[in-house]
Amino acid sequence: MTPSPCASGARAGVRGQPHLSLTLLPLPLLLLLTACTNTPSTGPVEIKWDRDACRACGMVISDPHYAAQVRGGPRHDVTKFDDVGCALKWLDTQPWADDPKTELWVARRTDGAFIDGRTARYVPGPPTPMGFNFGAVDPGPTGNDLPTQRAQVRAAAHTH
C-alpha cells in the first residue's frame, strides 16, 4: 500500500496533484497591479490633450508645441504645463528647482516632441498659450540657455 500524499501534510489537488501554496496567490495580484502602473519613473509622461490642465494657470493643455513637464520634488512627481513659460515661472517657486534630480521636459516648438529642457535652447516665437512667446529648440548655437531664459521669465512682469 502506497502512502497517501495527505499523510505527508500535502493537500491533494486535481488528479492527485498537490495544491500550490496559498502564499503564491498574492503573486498574480501583485503582477497585475504592477502592470497597471505603467508610469515611468523618469522622463516625460503622456499628456491628455484638451483634458490635462496646466498646474500654474489652470488652462487646458492643448498646444503640443509649447507644453512642458517638470518631474521633481520629494516624490519625484510629474507636473504638466501648457506653456514653457508657466513651467519656468512655477519651477522658480519650488525649493528643489535646482536639484540635479529635477527633470524639465519641454516640447520642441517645431514638432511637439519632448526634449530635455536643461539642454534645450529657447528662442522667441509666435504667441504661445499664455503669452510668454518663446519656444524650445534642440541644443545649438541659437537661442538662450536655460539659466538665461529663467532669468528673462523672472524679470518679465507676466501674470496669469
N, C-alpha and C. Protein backbone atom coordinates (compact mmCIF):
# COMPACT_ATOMS: atom_id res chain seq x y z
N MET A 1 0.84 -1.17 0.00
CA MET A 1 0.00 0.00 0.00
C MET A 1 0.90 1.24 0.00
N THR A 2 0.61 2.21 -0.94
CA THR A 2 1.41 3.43 -1.03
C THR A 2 0.85 4.46 -0.08
N PRO A 3 1.72 5.26 0.50
CA PRO A 3 1.23 6.27 1.43
C PRO A 3 0.46 7.37 0.71
N SER A 4 -0.55 7.89 1.33
CA SER A 4 -1.36 8.98 0.78
C SER A 4 -0.54 10.26 0.80
N PRO A 5 -0.69 11.11 -0.26
CA PRO A 5 0.02 12.39 -0.23
C PRO A 5 -0.39 13.22 0.97
N CYS A 6 -1.60 13.00 1.46
CA CYS A 6 -2.06 13.78 2.61
C CYS A 6 -1.34 13.38 3.89
N ALA A 7 -0.77 12.20 3.89
CA ALA A 7 -0.08 11.73 5.08
C ALA A 7 1.16 12.58 5.35
N SER A 8 1.76 13.15 4.29
CA SER A 8 2.95 13.96 4.50
C SER A 8 2.61 15.43 4.75
N GLY A 9 1.33 15.75 4.79
CA GLY A 9 0.91 17.12 5.04
C GLY A 9 0.53 17.86 3.77
N ALA A 10 0.83 17.32 2.57
CA ALA A 10 0.46 17.98 1.33
C ALA A 10 -1.01 17.74 1.08
N ARG A 11 -1.67 18.69 0.48
CA ARG A 11 -3.08 18.55 0.15
C ARG A 11 -3.19 18.10 -1.29
N ALA A 12 -4.09 17.21 -1.57
CA ALA A 12 -4.28 16.71 -2.92
C ALA A 12 -5.13 17.68 -3.71
N GLY A 13 -4.73 17.94 -4.95
CA GLY A 13 -5.49 18.79 -5.85
C GLY A 13 -6.15 17.94 -6.91
N VAL A 14 -6.34 18.51 -8.08
CA VAL A 14 -6.95 17.80 -9.19
C VAL A 14 -6.07 16.63 -9.58
N ARG A 15 -6.66 15.48 -9.77
CA ARG A 15 -5.96 14.26 -10.18
C ARG A 15 -4.77 13.93 -9.28
N GLY A 16 -4.91 14.21 -8.02
CA GLY A 16 -3.90 13.82 -7.06
C GLY A 16 -2.68 14.73 -7.00
N GLN A 17 -2.66 15.83 -7.78
CA GLN A 17 -1.52 16.76 -7.76
C GLN A 17 -1.64 17.65 -6.53
N PRO A 18 -0.53 17.98 -5.89
CA PRO A 18 -0.60 18.85 -4.73
C PRO A 18 -1.03 20.26 -5.12
N HIS A 19 -1.76 20.93 -4.25
CA HIS A 19 -2.17 22.33 -4.45
C HIS A 19 -0.95 23.24 -4.36
N LEU A 20 -1.01 24.35 -5.09
CA LEU A 20 0.01 25.37 -4.90
C LEU A 20 -0.22 26.00 -3.54
N SER A 21 0.81 26.42 -2.96
CA SER A 21 0.71 27.05 -1.65
C SER A 21 -0.16 28.30 -1.74
N LEU A 22 -0.94 28.53 -0.73
CA LEU A 22 -1.78 29.72 -0.69
C LEU A 22 -0.94 31.00 -0.67
N THR A 23 0.32 30.87 -0.31
CA THR A 23 1.17 32.07 -0.29
C THR A 23 1.49 32.56 -1.70
N LEU A 24 1.29 31.74 -2.72
CA LEU A 24 1.54 32.16 -4.09
C LEU A 24 0.36 32.92 -4.70
N LEU A 25 -0.79 32.85 -4.07
CA LEU A 25 -1.96 33.53 -4.61
C LEU A 25 -1.79 35.04 -4.74
N PRO A 26 -1.14 35.72 -3.79
CA PRO A 26 -0.96 37.17 -3.95
C PRO A 26 -0.04 37.55 -5.12
N LEU A 27 0.81 36.64 -5.57
CA LEU A 27 1.75 36.95 -6.65
C LEU A 27 1.05 37.41 -7.93
N PRO A 28 0.04 36.69 -8.44
CA PRO A 28 -0.63 37.19 -9.65
C PRO A 28 -1.28 38.56 -9.44
N LEU A 29 -1.84 38.78 -8.27
CA LEU A 29 -2.44 40.07 -7.98
C LEU A 29 -1.38 41.16 -7.99
N LEU A 30 -0.24 40.90 -7.39
CA LEU A 30 0.86 41.85 -7.38
C LEU A 30 1.34 42.15 -8.80
N LEU A 31 1.48 41.12 -9.63
CA LEU A 31 1.90 41.31 -11.01
C LEU A 31 0.89 42.13 -11.79
N LEU A 32 -0.39 41.89 -11.55
CA LEU A 32 -1.44 42.64 -12.23
C LEU A 32 -1.39 44.12 -11.84
N LEU A 33 -1.24 44.39 -10.56
CA LEU A 33 -1.17 45.78 -10.11
C LEU A 33 0.07 46.48 -10.64
N THR A 34 1.19 45.78 -10.69
CA THR A 34 2.42 46.36 -11.21
C THR A 34 2.28 46.67 -12.69
N ALA A 35 1.63 45.79 -13.43
CA ALA A 35 1.45 46.00 -14.87
C ALA A 35 0.53 47.19 -15.14
N CYS A 36 -0.38 47.49 -14.24
CA CYS A 36 -1.32 48.58 -14.45
C CYS A 36 -0.71 49.94 -14.14
N THR A 37 0.40 49.98 -13.44
CA THR A 37 1.04 51.26 -13.14
C THR A 37 2.21 51.44 -14.11
N ASN A 38 1.89 51.89 -15.32
CA ASN A 38 2.91 51.99 -16.35
C ASN A 38 3.53 53.38 -16.41
N THR A 39 3.43 54.15 -15.34
CA THR A 39 4.05 55.46 -15.30
C THR A 39 5.55 55.27 -15.11
N PRO A 40 6.35 55.80 -16.03
CA PRO A 40 7.80 55.65 -15.87
C PRO A 40 8.30 56.46 -14.69
N SER A 41 9.45 56.10 -14.16
CA SER A 41 10.00 56.81 -13.01
C SER A 41 10.88 57.98 -13.43
N THR A 42 11.10 58.13 -14.72
CA THR A 42 11.89 59.23 -15.25
C THR A 42 11.35 59.59 -16.63
N GLY A 43 11.65 60.79 -17.07
CA GLY A 43 11.20 61.21 -18.40
C GLY A 43 9.80 61.78 -18.39
N PRO A 44 9.38 62.29 -19.54
CA PRO A 44 8.03 62.86 -19.63
C PRO A 44 6.97 61.76 -19.65
N VAL A 45 5.75 62.14 -19.31
CA VAL A 45 4.62 61.21 -19.37
C VAL A 45 3.66 61.70 -20.46
N GLU A 46 2.69 60.87 -20.77
CA GLU A 46 1.71 61.24 -21.78
C GLU A 46 0.85 62.41 -21.28
N ILE A 47 0.60 63.35 -22.15
CA ILE A 47 -0.33 64.44 -21.85
C ILE A 47 -1.64 64.12 -22.55
N LYS A 48 -2.73 64.25 -21.83
CA LYS A 48 -4.06 64.06 -22.42
C LYS A 48 -4.49 65.43 -22.94
N TRP A 49 -4.24 65.66 -24.24
CA TRP A 49 -4.50 66.96 -24.85
C TRP A 49 -5.96 67.34 -24.70
N ASP A 50 -6.18 68.60 -24.41
CA ASP A 50 -7.51 69.17 -24.21
C ASP A 50 -8.23 68.59 -22.99
N ARG A 51 -7.50 67.88 -22.11
CA ARG A 51 -8.08 67.37 -20.87
C ARG A 51 -7.21 67.70 -19.66
N ASP A 52 -5.89 67.50 -19.78
CA ASP A 52 -5.00 67.84 -18.67
C ASP A 52 -4.90 69.35 -18.55
N ALA A 53 -4.75 69.82 -17.32
CA ALA A 53 -4.68 71.26 -17.06
C ALA A 53 -3.27 71.66 -16.61
N CYS A 54 -2.92 72.89 -16.93
CA CYS A 54 -1.65 73.47 -16.52
C CYS A 54 -1.66 73.72 -15.01
N ARG A 55 -0.62 73.30 -14.34
CA ARG A 55 -0.52 73.46 -12.89
C ARG A 55 -0.42 74.94 -12.49
N ALA A 56 0.20 75.75 -13.34
CA ALA A 56 0.42 77.15 -12.98
C ALA A 56 -0.80 78.02 -13.23
N CYS A 57 -1.45 77.85 -14.36
CA CYS A 57 -2.53 78.78 -14.72
C CYS A 57 -3.91 78.13 -14.78
N GLY A 58 -3.96 76.81 -14.78
CA GLY A 58 -5.25 76.11 -14.80
C GLY A 58 -5.85 75.93 -16.18
N MET A 59 -5.21 76.47 -17.21
CA MET A 59 -5.75 76.33 -18.56
C MET A 59 -5.55 74.89 -19.05
N VAL A 60 -6.42 74.45 -19.94
CA VAL A 60 -6.29 73.13 -20.53
C VAL A 60 -5.07 73.12 -21.45
N ILE A 61 -4.31 72.03 -21.42
CA ILE A 61 -3.12 71.91 -22.27
C ILE A 61 -3.58 71.45 -23.65
N SER A 62 -3.44 72.32 -24.65
CA SER A 62 -3.97 71.99 -25.97
C SER A 62 -2.97 72.15 -27.11
N ASP A 63 -1.88 72.87 -26.91
CA ASP A 63 -0.91 73.06 -27.99
C ASP A 63 0.35 72.26 -27.72
N PRO A 64 0.56 71.19 -28.46
CA PRO A 64 1.71 70.33 -28.19
C PRO A 64 3.07 70.97 -28.48
N HIS A 65 3.10 72.12 -29.12
CA HIS A 65 4.36 72.76 -29.46
C HIS A 65 4.95 73.59 -28.32
N TYR A 66 4.18 73.81 -27.26
CA TYR A 66 4.66 74.68 -26.18
C TYR A 66 4.45 74.07 -24.79
N ALA A 67 4.04 72.82 -24.71
CA ALA A 67 3.81 72.17 -23.43
C ALA A 67 5.13 71.88 -22.72
N ALA A 68 5.05 71.65 -21.43
CA ALA A 68 6.24 71.33 -20.64
C ALA A 68 5.84 70.44 -19.47
N GLN A 69 6.83 69.75 -18.93
CA GLN A 69 6.62 68.91 -17.75
C GLN A 69 7.83 69.04 -16.84
N VAL A 70 7.57 69.07 -15.55
CA VAL A 70 8.62 69.07 -14.54
C VAL A 70 8.43 67.82 -13.71
N ARG A 71 9.52 67.10 -13.49
CA ARG A 71 9.49 65.93 -12.61
C ARG A 71 10.47 66.21 -11.49
N GLY A 72 9.96 66.28 -10.27
CA GLY A 72 10.85 66.55 -9.16
C GLY A 72 10.12 66.61 -7.84
N GLY A 73 10.83 67.09 -6.85
CA GLY A 73 10.27 67.17 -5.51
C GLY A 73 10.53 65.90 -4.72
N PRO A 74 10.02 65.86 -3.51
CA PRO A 74 10.28 64.71 -2.62
C PRO A 74 9.83 63.37 -3.20
N ARG A 75 8.72 63.39 -3.97
CA ARG A 75 8.20 62.14 -4.53
C ARG A 75 8.51 61.99 -6.02
N HIS A 76 9.27 62.92 -6.57
CA HIS A 76 9.65 62.90 -7.99
C HIS A 76 8.40 62.85 -8.89
N ASP A 77 7.39 63.65 -8.50
CA ASP A 77 6.12 63.71 -9.24
C ASP A 77 6.27 64.50 -10.53
N VAL A 78 5.37 64.22 -11.47
CA VAL A 78 5.33 64.96 -12.74
C VAL A 78 4.25 66.04 -12.65
N THR A 79 4.60 67.24 -13.08
CA THR A 79 3.67 68.36 -13.13
C THR A 79 3.65 68.85 -14.57
N LYS A 80 2.44 69.10 -15.10
CA LYS A 80 2.28 69.46 -16.52
C LYS A 80 1.91 70.93 -16.67
N PHE A 81 2.33 71.50 -17.82
CA PHE A 81 2.11 72.91 -18.10
C PHE A 81 1.73 73.12 -19.56
N ASP A 82 0.95 74.18 -19.82
CA ASP A 82 0.52 74.49 -21.18
C ASP A 82 1.48 75.41 -21.92
N ASP A 83 2.44 75.99 -21.22
CA ASP A 83 3.39 76.92 -21.81
C ASP A 83 4.71 76.74 -21.08
N VAL A 84 5.82 76.72 -21.82
CA VAL A 84 7.13 76.57 -21.19
C VAL A 84 7.35 77.68 -20.16
N GLY A 85 6.86 78.87 -20.45
CA GLY A 85 6.99 79.98 -19.51
C GLY A 85 6.30 79.69 -18.19
N CYS A 86 5.12 79.06 -18.24
CA CYS A 86 4.43 78.68 -17.00
C CYS A 86 5.30 77.72 -16.19
N ALA A 87 5.92 76.75 -16.87
CA ALA A 87 6.77 75.78 -16.18
C ALA A 87 7.95 76.46 -15.51
N LEU A 88 8.61 77.36 -16.22
CA LEU A 88 9.79 78.02 -15.65
C LEU A 88 9.41 78.92 -14.49
N LYS A 89 8.29 79.63 -14.63
CA LYS A 89 7.84 80.51 -13.55
C LYS A 89 7.48 79.68 -12.30
N TRP A 90 6.75 78.59 -12.49
CA TRP A 90 6.36 77.72 -11.38
C TRP A 90 7.59 77.07 -10.76
N LEU A 91 8.51 76.60 -11.60
CA LEU A 91 9.71 75.92 -11.10
C LEU A 91 10.51 76.83 -10.17
N ASP A 92 10.54 78.12 -10.47
CA ASP A 92 11.29 79.05 -9.61
C ASP A 92 10.70 79.17 -8.20
N THR A 93 9.48 78.71 -8.00
CA THR A 93 8.86 78.77 -6.67
C THR A 93 9.10 77.49 -5.86
N GLN A 94 9.75 76.51 -6.45
CA GLN A 94 9.95 75.23 -5.78
C GLN A 94 11.33 75.19 -5.12
N PRO A 95 11.41 74.76 -3.87
CA PRO A 95 12.69 74.73 -3.18
C PRO A 95 13.68 73.73 -3.81
N TRP A 96 13.19 72.78 -4.58
CA TRP A 96 14.03 71.76 -5.18
C TRP A 96 14.31 72.04 -6.67
N ALA A 97 14.03 73.27 -7.13
CA ALA A 97 14.17 73.62 -8.54
C ALA A 97 15.55 73.31 -9.11
N ASP A 98 16.59 73.56 -8.34
CA ASP A 98 17.95 73.37 -8.85
C ASP A 98 18.57 72.03 -8.43
N ASP A 99 17.77 71.16 -7.86
CA ASP A 99 18.25 69.83 -7.51
C ASP A 99 18.61 69.10 -8.81
N PRO A 100 19.78 68.48 -8.88
CA PRO A 100 20.18 67.79 -10.11
C PRO A 100 19.22 66.66 -10.52
N LYS A 101 18.44 66.13 -9.57
CA LYS A 101 17.48 65.07 -9.89
C LYS A 101 16.20 65.62 -10.53
N THR A 102 15.98 66.93 -10.45
CA THR A 102 14.79 67.53 -11.04
C THR A 102 14.92 67.48 -12.56
N GLU A 103 13.85 67.04 -13.22
CA GLU A 103 13.83 66.94 -14.68
C GLU A 103 12.90 68.00 -15.25
N LEU A 104 13.31 68.57 -16.37
CA LEU A 104 12.48 69.53 -17.11
C LEU A 104 12.39 69.02 -18.53
N TRP A 105 11.16 68.79 -18.97
CA TRP A 105 10.91 68.33 -20.35
C TRP A 105 10.07 69.38 -21.04
N VAL A 106 10.54 69.84 -22.18
CA VAL A 106 9.85 70.89 -22.93
C VAL A 106 9.56 70.40 -24.34
N ALA A 107 8.44 70.84 -24.88
CA ALA A 107 8.09 70.45 -26.24
C ALA A 107 8.95 71.23 -27.24
N ARG A 108 9.50 70.51 -28.20
CA ARG A 108 10.21 71.17 -29.29
C ARG A 108 9.17 71.91 -30.11
N ARG A 109 9.37 73.19 -30.32
CA ARG A 109 8.33 74.01 -30.94
C ARG A 109 8.02 73.62 -32.39
N THR A 110 8.92 72.91 -33.05
CA THR A 110 8.67 72.54 -34.45
C THR A 110 7.78 71.32 -34.60
N ASP A 111 7.88 70.37 -33.66
CA ASP A 111 7.10 69.14 -33.83
C ASP A 111 6.42 68.63 -32.55
N GLY A 112 6.63 69.30 -31.42
CA GLY A 112 5.97 68.91 -30.18
C GLY A 112 6.62 67.75 -29.44
N ALA A 113 7.72 67.21 -29.94
CA ALA A 113 8.40 66.12 -29.23
C ALA A 113 9.07 66.69 -27.98
N PHE A 114 9.02 65.93 -26.88
CA PHE A 114 9.64 66.40 -25.65
C PHE A 114 11.15 66.22 -25.71
N ILE A 115 11.86 67.28 -25.32
CA ILE A 115 13.32 67.27 -25.26
C ILE A 115 13.73 67.73 -23.86
N ASP A 116 14.96 67.46 -23.51
CA ASP A 116 15.47 67.82 -22.19
C ASP A 116 15.55 69.34 -22.08
N GLY A 117 14.79 69.90 -21.16
CA GLY A 117 14.74 71.35 -21.00
C GLY A 117 16.00 71.96 -20.45
N ARG A 118 16.86 71.16 -19.84
CA ARG A 118 18.10 71.69 -19.28
C ARG A 118 19.14 71.93 -20.38
N THR A 119 19.04 71.18 -21.48
CA THR A 119 19.99 71.36 -22.58
C THR A 119 19.37 72.07 -23.78
N ALA A 120 18.05 72.21 -23.79
CA ALA A 120 17.37 72.89 -24.91
C ALA A 120 17.81 74.35 -24.97
N ARG A 121 17.55 74.95 -26.10
CA ARG A 121 17.75 76.40 -26.27
C ARG A 121 16.36 77.00 -26.44
N TYR A 122 16.22 78.27 -26.09
CA TYR A 122 14.92 78.94 -26.10
C TYR A 122 14.98 80.15 -27.02
N VAL A 123 14.03 80.18 -27.97
CA VAL A 123 14.02 81.23 -28.99
C VAL A 123 12.68 81.94 -29.00
N PRO A 124 12.69 83.24 -29.34
CA PRO A 124 11.43 83.97 -29.47
C PRO A 124 10.59 83.35 -30.58
N GLY A 125 9.29 83.47 -30.44
CA GLY A 125 8.43 82.89 -31.46
C GLY A 125 7.07 83.54 -31.47
N PRO A 126 6.16 82.90 -32.16
CA PRO A 126 4.79 83.41 -32.23
C PRO A 126 4.12 83.32 -30.86
N PRO A 127 2.94 83.89 -30.73
CA PRO A 127 2.23 83.83 -29.45
C PRO A 127 2.08 82.39 -28.96
N THR A 128 2.34 82.21 -27.66
CA THR A 128 2.20 80.90 -27.02
C THR A 128 0.94 80.92 -26.16
N PRO A 129 0.50 79.77 -25.68
CA PRO A 129 -0.78 79.72 -24.96
C PRO A 129 -0.95 80.76 -23.85
N MET A 130 0.11 81.06 -23.11
CA MET A 130 0.00 82.05 -22.02
C MET A 130 0.77 83.32 -22.29
N GLY A 131 1.19 83.52 -23.53
CA GLY A 131 1.80 84.78 -23.91
C GLY A 131 3.25 84.97 -23.50
N PHE A 132 3.95 83.91 -23.17
CA PHE A 132 5.38 84.05 -22.89
C PHE A 132 6.16 84.22 -24.20
N ASN A 133 5.62 83.68 -25.28
CA ASN A 133 6.10 83.90 -26.65
C ASN A 133 7.54 83.46 -26.91
N PHE A 134 7.90 82.31 -26.37
CA PHE A 134 9.16 81.68 -26.74
C PHE A 134 8.93 80.17 -26.76
N GLY A 135 9.78 79.49 -27.49
CA GLY A 135 9.67 78.04 -27.60
C GLY A 135 11.04 77.39 -27.49
N ALA A 136 11.03 76.09 -27.36
CA ALA A 136 12.25 75.33 -27.19
C ALA A 136 12.69 74.72 -28.52
N VAL A 137 14.00 74.69 -28.71
CA VAL A 137 14.60 74.05 -29.87
C VAL A 137 15.74 73.17 -29.38
N ASP A 138 16.24 72.32 -30.26
CA ASP A 138 17.36 71.46 -29.91
C ASP A 138 18.59 72.28 -29.55
N PRO A 139 19.49 71.70 -28.75
CA PRO A 139 20.72 72.41 -28.40
C PRO A 139 21.47 72.83 -29.66
N GLY A 140 22.03 74.01 -29.61
CA GLY A 140 22.77 74.54 -30.74
C GLY A 140 23.22 75.95 -30.45
N PRO A 141 23.70 76.65 -31.47
CA PRO A 141 24.26 77.98 -31.25
C PRO A 141 23.24 79.10 -31.09
N THR A 142 21.98 78.87 -31.47
CA THR A 142 20.99 79.94 -31.38
C THR A 142 20.14 79.82 -30.13
N GLY A 143 19.64 80.94 -29.67
CA GLY A 143 18.72 80.95 -28.54
C GLY A 143 19.42 81.04 -27.20
N ASN A 144 18.60 81.19 -26.18
CA ASN A 144 19.08 81.29 -24.80
C ASN A 144 19.26 79.92 -24.17
N ASP A 145 20.21 79.82 -23.27
CA ASP A 145 20.30 78.60 -22.47
C ASP A 145 19.27 78.70 -21.34
N LEU A 146 19.10 77.64 -20.58
CA LEU A 146 18.06 77.61 -19.54
C LEU A 146 18.24 78.69 -18.47
N PRO A 147 19.43 78.89 -17.91
CA PRO A 147 19.55 79.95 -16.89
C PRO A 147 19.18 81.33 -17.42
N THR A 148 19.56 81.63 -18.64
CA THR A 148 19.23 82.93 -19.24
C THR A 148 17.73 83.06 -19.43
N GLN A 149 17.09 81.99 -19.90
CA GLN A 149 15.64 82.04 -20.13
C GLN A 149 14.89 82.14 -18.82
N ARG A 150 15.33 81.44 -17.79
CA ARG A 150 14.69 81.54 -16.48
C ARG A 150 14.79 82.97 -15.95
N ALA A 151 15.93 83.60 -16.14
CA ALA A 151 16.11 84.99 -15.69
C ALA A 151 15.17 85.92 -16.44
N GLN A 152 14.99 85.69 -17.74
CA GLN A 152 14.08 86.53 -18.52
C GLN A 152 12.64 86.35 -18.06
N VAL A 153 12.25 85.12 -17.77
CA VAL A 153 10.88 84.88 -17.28
C VAL A 153 10.69 85.55 -15.92
N ARG A 154 11.69 85.47 -15.04
CA ARG A 154 11.62 86.12 -13.74
C ARG A 154 11.47 87.63 -13.87
N ALA A 155 12.21 88.22 -14.81
CA ALA A 155 12.22 89.67 -14.98
C ALA A 155 10.96 90.20 -15.65
N ALA A 156 10.28 89.35 -16.41
CA ALA A 156 9.08 89.79 -17.11
C ALA A 156 7.94 90.01 -16.12
N ALA A 157 7.18 91.04 -16.36
CA ALA A 157 6.02 91.33 -15.50
C ALA A 157 4.82 90.57 -16.04
N HIS A 158 4.95 89.25 -16.06
CA HIS A 158 3.88 88.42 -16.64
C HIS A 158 2.99 87.88 -15.52
N THR A 159 1.71 88.06 -15.68
CA THR A 159 0.75 87.49 -14.72
C THR A 159 -0.19 86.57 -15.47
N HIS A 160 -0.68 85.59 -14.77
CA HIS A 160 -1.61 84.66 -15.40
C HIS A 160 -2.95 85.26 -15.35
